[in-house]
């Protein structure tokens, strides 16, 4: 019975580790998307500010 518990525990640890890697990957992607969106927002705001000066 002890061996069965050990295998179950190792299985849970492996699935937790896999999920953690997936979440870290998703988090890295979200950071890239956020950075890209922030850069685009800065460009748009700069364009709007220049446009307002020309009026």
N, C-alpha and C. Protein backbone atom coordinates (compact mmCIF):
# COMPACT_ATOMS: atom_id res chain seq x y z
N UNK A 1 0.83 -1.19 0.00
CA UNK A 1 0.00 0.00 0.00
C UNK A 1 0.87 1.26 0.00
N UNK A 2 1.97 1.22 0.70
CA UNK A 2 2.87 2.36 0.74
C UNK A 2 3.38 2.69 -0.66
N UNK A 3 3.66 1.67 -1.45
CA UNK A 3 4.14 1.89 -2.81
C UNK A 3 3.08 2.59 -3.66
N UNK A 4 1.83 2.22 -3.48
CA UNK A 4 0.73 2.84 -4.21
C UNK A 4 0.62 4.32 -3.88
N UNK A 5 0.74 4.66 -2.61
CA UNK A 5 0.68 6.06 -2.18
C UNK A 5 1.84 6.85 -2.79
N UNK A 6 3.03 6.23 -2.80
CA UNK A 6 4.21 6.88 -3.36
C UNK A 6 4.00 7.19 -4.84
N UNK A 7 3.46 6.22 -5.57
CA UNK A 7 3.23 6.42 -7.01
C UNK A 7 2.20 7.52 -7.23
N UNK A 8 1.14 7.54 -6.44
CA UNK A 8 0.12 8.59 -6.56
C UNK A 8 0.73 9.96 -6.26
N UNK A 9 1.55 10.03 -5.23
CA UNK A 9 2.19 11.29 -4.86
C UNK A 9 3.12 11.77 -5.96
N UNK A 10 3.90 10.87 -6.51
CA UNK A 10 4.82 11.24 -7.60
C UNK A 10 4.04 11.68 -8.84
N UNK A 11 2.91 11.04 -9.10
CA UNK A 11 2.08 11.39 -10.24
C UNK A 11 1.51 12.80 -10.07
N UNK A 12 1.06 13.11 -8.87
CA UNK A 12 0.53 14.45 -8.60
C UNK A 12 1.64 15.48 -8.73
N UNK A 13 2.81 15.17 -8.20
CA UNK A 13 3.93 16.11 -8.32
C UNK A 13 4.28 16.35 -9.78
N UNK A 14 4.28 15.30 -10.58
CA UNK A 14 4.61 15.44 -12.00
C UNK A 14 3.56 16.29 -12.71
N UNK A 15 2.29 16.06 -12.42
CA UNK A 15 1.25 16.85 -13.08
C UNK A 15 1.29 18.30 -12.60
N UNK A 16 1.60 18.52 -11.33
CA UNK A 16 1.74 19.89 -10.82
C UNK A 16 2.90 20.60 -11.49
N UNK A 17 4.01 19.88 -11.65
CA UNK A 17 5.19 20.47 -12.29
C UNK A 17 4.88 20.82 -13.75
N UNK A 18 4.15 19.93 -14.42
CA UNK A 18 3.79 20.20 -15.82
C UNK A 18 2.89 21.43 -15.90
N UNK A 19 1.90 21.52 -15.02
CA UNK A 19 0.99 22.67 -15.02
C UNK A 19 1.73 23.96 -14.70
N UNK A 20 2.69 23.88 -13.77
CA UNK A 20 3.48 25.05 -13.43
C UNK A 20 4.27 25.53 -14.64
N UNK A 21 4.86 24.60 -15.39
CA UNK A 21 5.59 24.98 -16.62
C UNK A 21 4.65 25.63 -17.63
N UNK A 22 3.43 25.08 -17.76
CA UNK A 22 2.46 25.66 -18.68
C UNK A 22 2.08 27.08 -18.26
N UNK A 23 1.86 27.27 -16.97
CA UNK A 23 1.49 28.59 -16.46
C UNK A 23 2.63 29.59 -16.64
N UNK A 24 3.86 29.13 -16.43
CA UNK A 24 5.01 30.02 -16.62
C UNK A 24 5.13 30.43 -18.08
N UNK A 25 4.87 29.48 -18.97
CA UNK A 25 4.92 29.78 -20.40
C UNK A 25 3.83 30.79 -20.78
N UNK A 26 2.62 30.57 -20.27
CA UNK A 26 1.53 31.51 -20.53
C UNK A 26 1.86 32.89 -19.96
N UNK A 27 2.45 32.92 -18.79
CA UNK A 27 2.81 34.19 -18.16
C UNK A 27 3.86 34.93 -19.00
N UNK A 28 4.83 34.20 -19.50
CA UNK A 28 5.85 34.82 -20.35
C UNK A 28 5.22 35.41 -21.61
N UNK A 29 4.27 34.68 -22.20
CA UNK A 29 3.59 35.18 -23.39
C UNK A 29 2.79 36.43 -23.06
N UNK A 30 2.09 36.42 -21.95
CA UNK A 30 1.31 37.59 -21.55
C UNK A 30 2.21 38.80 -21.30
N UNK A 31 3.38 38.59 -20.73
CA UNK A 31 4.32 39.69 -20.52
C UNK A 31 4.74 40.29 -21.86
N UNK A 32 5.01 39.43 -22.85
CA UNK A 32 5.40 39.92 -24.18
C UNK A 32 4.25 40.71 -24.82
N UNK A 33 3.05 40.18 -24.72
CA UNK A 33 1.89 40.87 -25.29
C UNK A 33 1.65 42.21 -24.61
N UNK A 34 1.80 42.24 -23.29
CA UNK A 34 1.62 43.48 -22.55
C UNK A 34 2.67 44.51 -22.97
N UNK A 35 3.91 44.08 -23.10
CA UNK A 35 4.99 44.98 -23.50
C UNK A 35 4.73 45.53 -24.90
N UNK A 36 4.27 44.66 -25.79
CA UNK A 36 3.96 45.09 -27.16
C UNK A 36 2.81 46.10 -27.15
N UNK A 37 1.78 45.81 -26.38
CA UNK A 37 0.64 46.71 -26.29
C UNK A 37 1.05 48.05 -25.70
N UNK A 38 1.89 48.03 -24.69
CA UNK A 38 2.37 49.27 -24.08
C UNK A 38 3.14 50.11 -25.09
N UNK A 39 4.00 49.46 -25.87
CA UNK A 39 4.78 50.18 -26.87
C UNK A 39 3.86 50.80 -27.92
N UNK A 40 2.85 50.05 -28.35
CA UNK A 40 1.91 50.58 -29.34
C UNK A 40 1.12 51.75 -28.76
N UNK A 41 0.75 51.67 -27.50
CA UNK A 41 0.02 52.75 -26.85
C UNK A 41 0.86 54.02 -26.80
N UNK A 42 2.13 53.89 -26.51
CA UNK A 42 3.03 55.04 -26.48
C UNK A 42 3.11 55.69 -27.86
N UNK A 43 3.20 54.87 -28.90
CA UNK A 43 3.26 55.40 -30.26
C UNK A 43 1.97 56.14 -30.61
N UNK A 44 0.84 55.54 -30.27
CA UNK A 44 -0.45 56.18 -30.57
C UNK A 44 -0.60 57.49 -29.82
N UNK A 45 -0.24 57.50 -28.55
CA UNK A 45 -0.34 58.74 -27.76
C UNK A 45 0.58 59.81 -28.34
N UNK A 46 1.78 59.41 -28.77
CA UNK A 46 2.70 60.37 -29.38
C UNK A 46 2.11 60.96 -30.65
N UNK A 47 1.48 60.11 -31.45
CA UNK A 47 0.85 60.59 -32.68
C UNK A 47 -0.30 61.53 -32.39
N UNK A 48 -1.08 61.20 -31.39
CA UNK A 48 -2.20 62.08 -31.02
C UNK A 48 -1.69 63.41 -30.50
N UNK A 49 -0.64 63.38 -29.69
CA UNK A 49 -0.08 64.63 -29.15
C UNK A 49 0.45 65.51 -30.28
N UNK A 50 1.12 64.91 -31.25
CA UNK A 50 1.62 65.69 -32.39
C UNK A 50 0.47 66.26 -33.19
N UNK A 51 -0.59 65.46 -33.34
CA UNK A 51 -1.75 65.92 -34.08
C UNK A 51 -2.44 67.08 -33.39
N UNK A 52 -2.49 67.04 -32.10
CA UNK A 52 -3.13 68.13 -31.32
C UNK A 52 -2.31 69.42 -31.43
N UNK A 53 -0.99 69.31 -31.52
CA UNK A 53 -0.16 70.51 -31.64
C UNK A 53 -0.36 71.18 -32.99
N UNK A 54 -0.67 70.35 -34.00
CA UNK A 54 -0.84 70.90 -35.35
C UNK A 54 -2.18 71.61 -35.52
N UNK A 55 -3.11 71.40 -34.61
CA UNK A 55 -4.45 72.03 -34.74
C UNK A 55 -4.43 73.48 -34.34
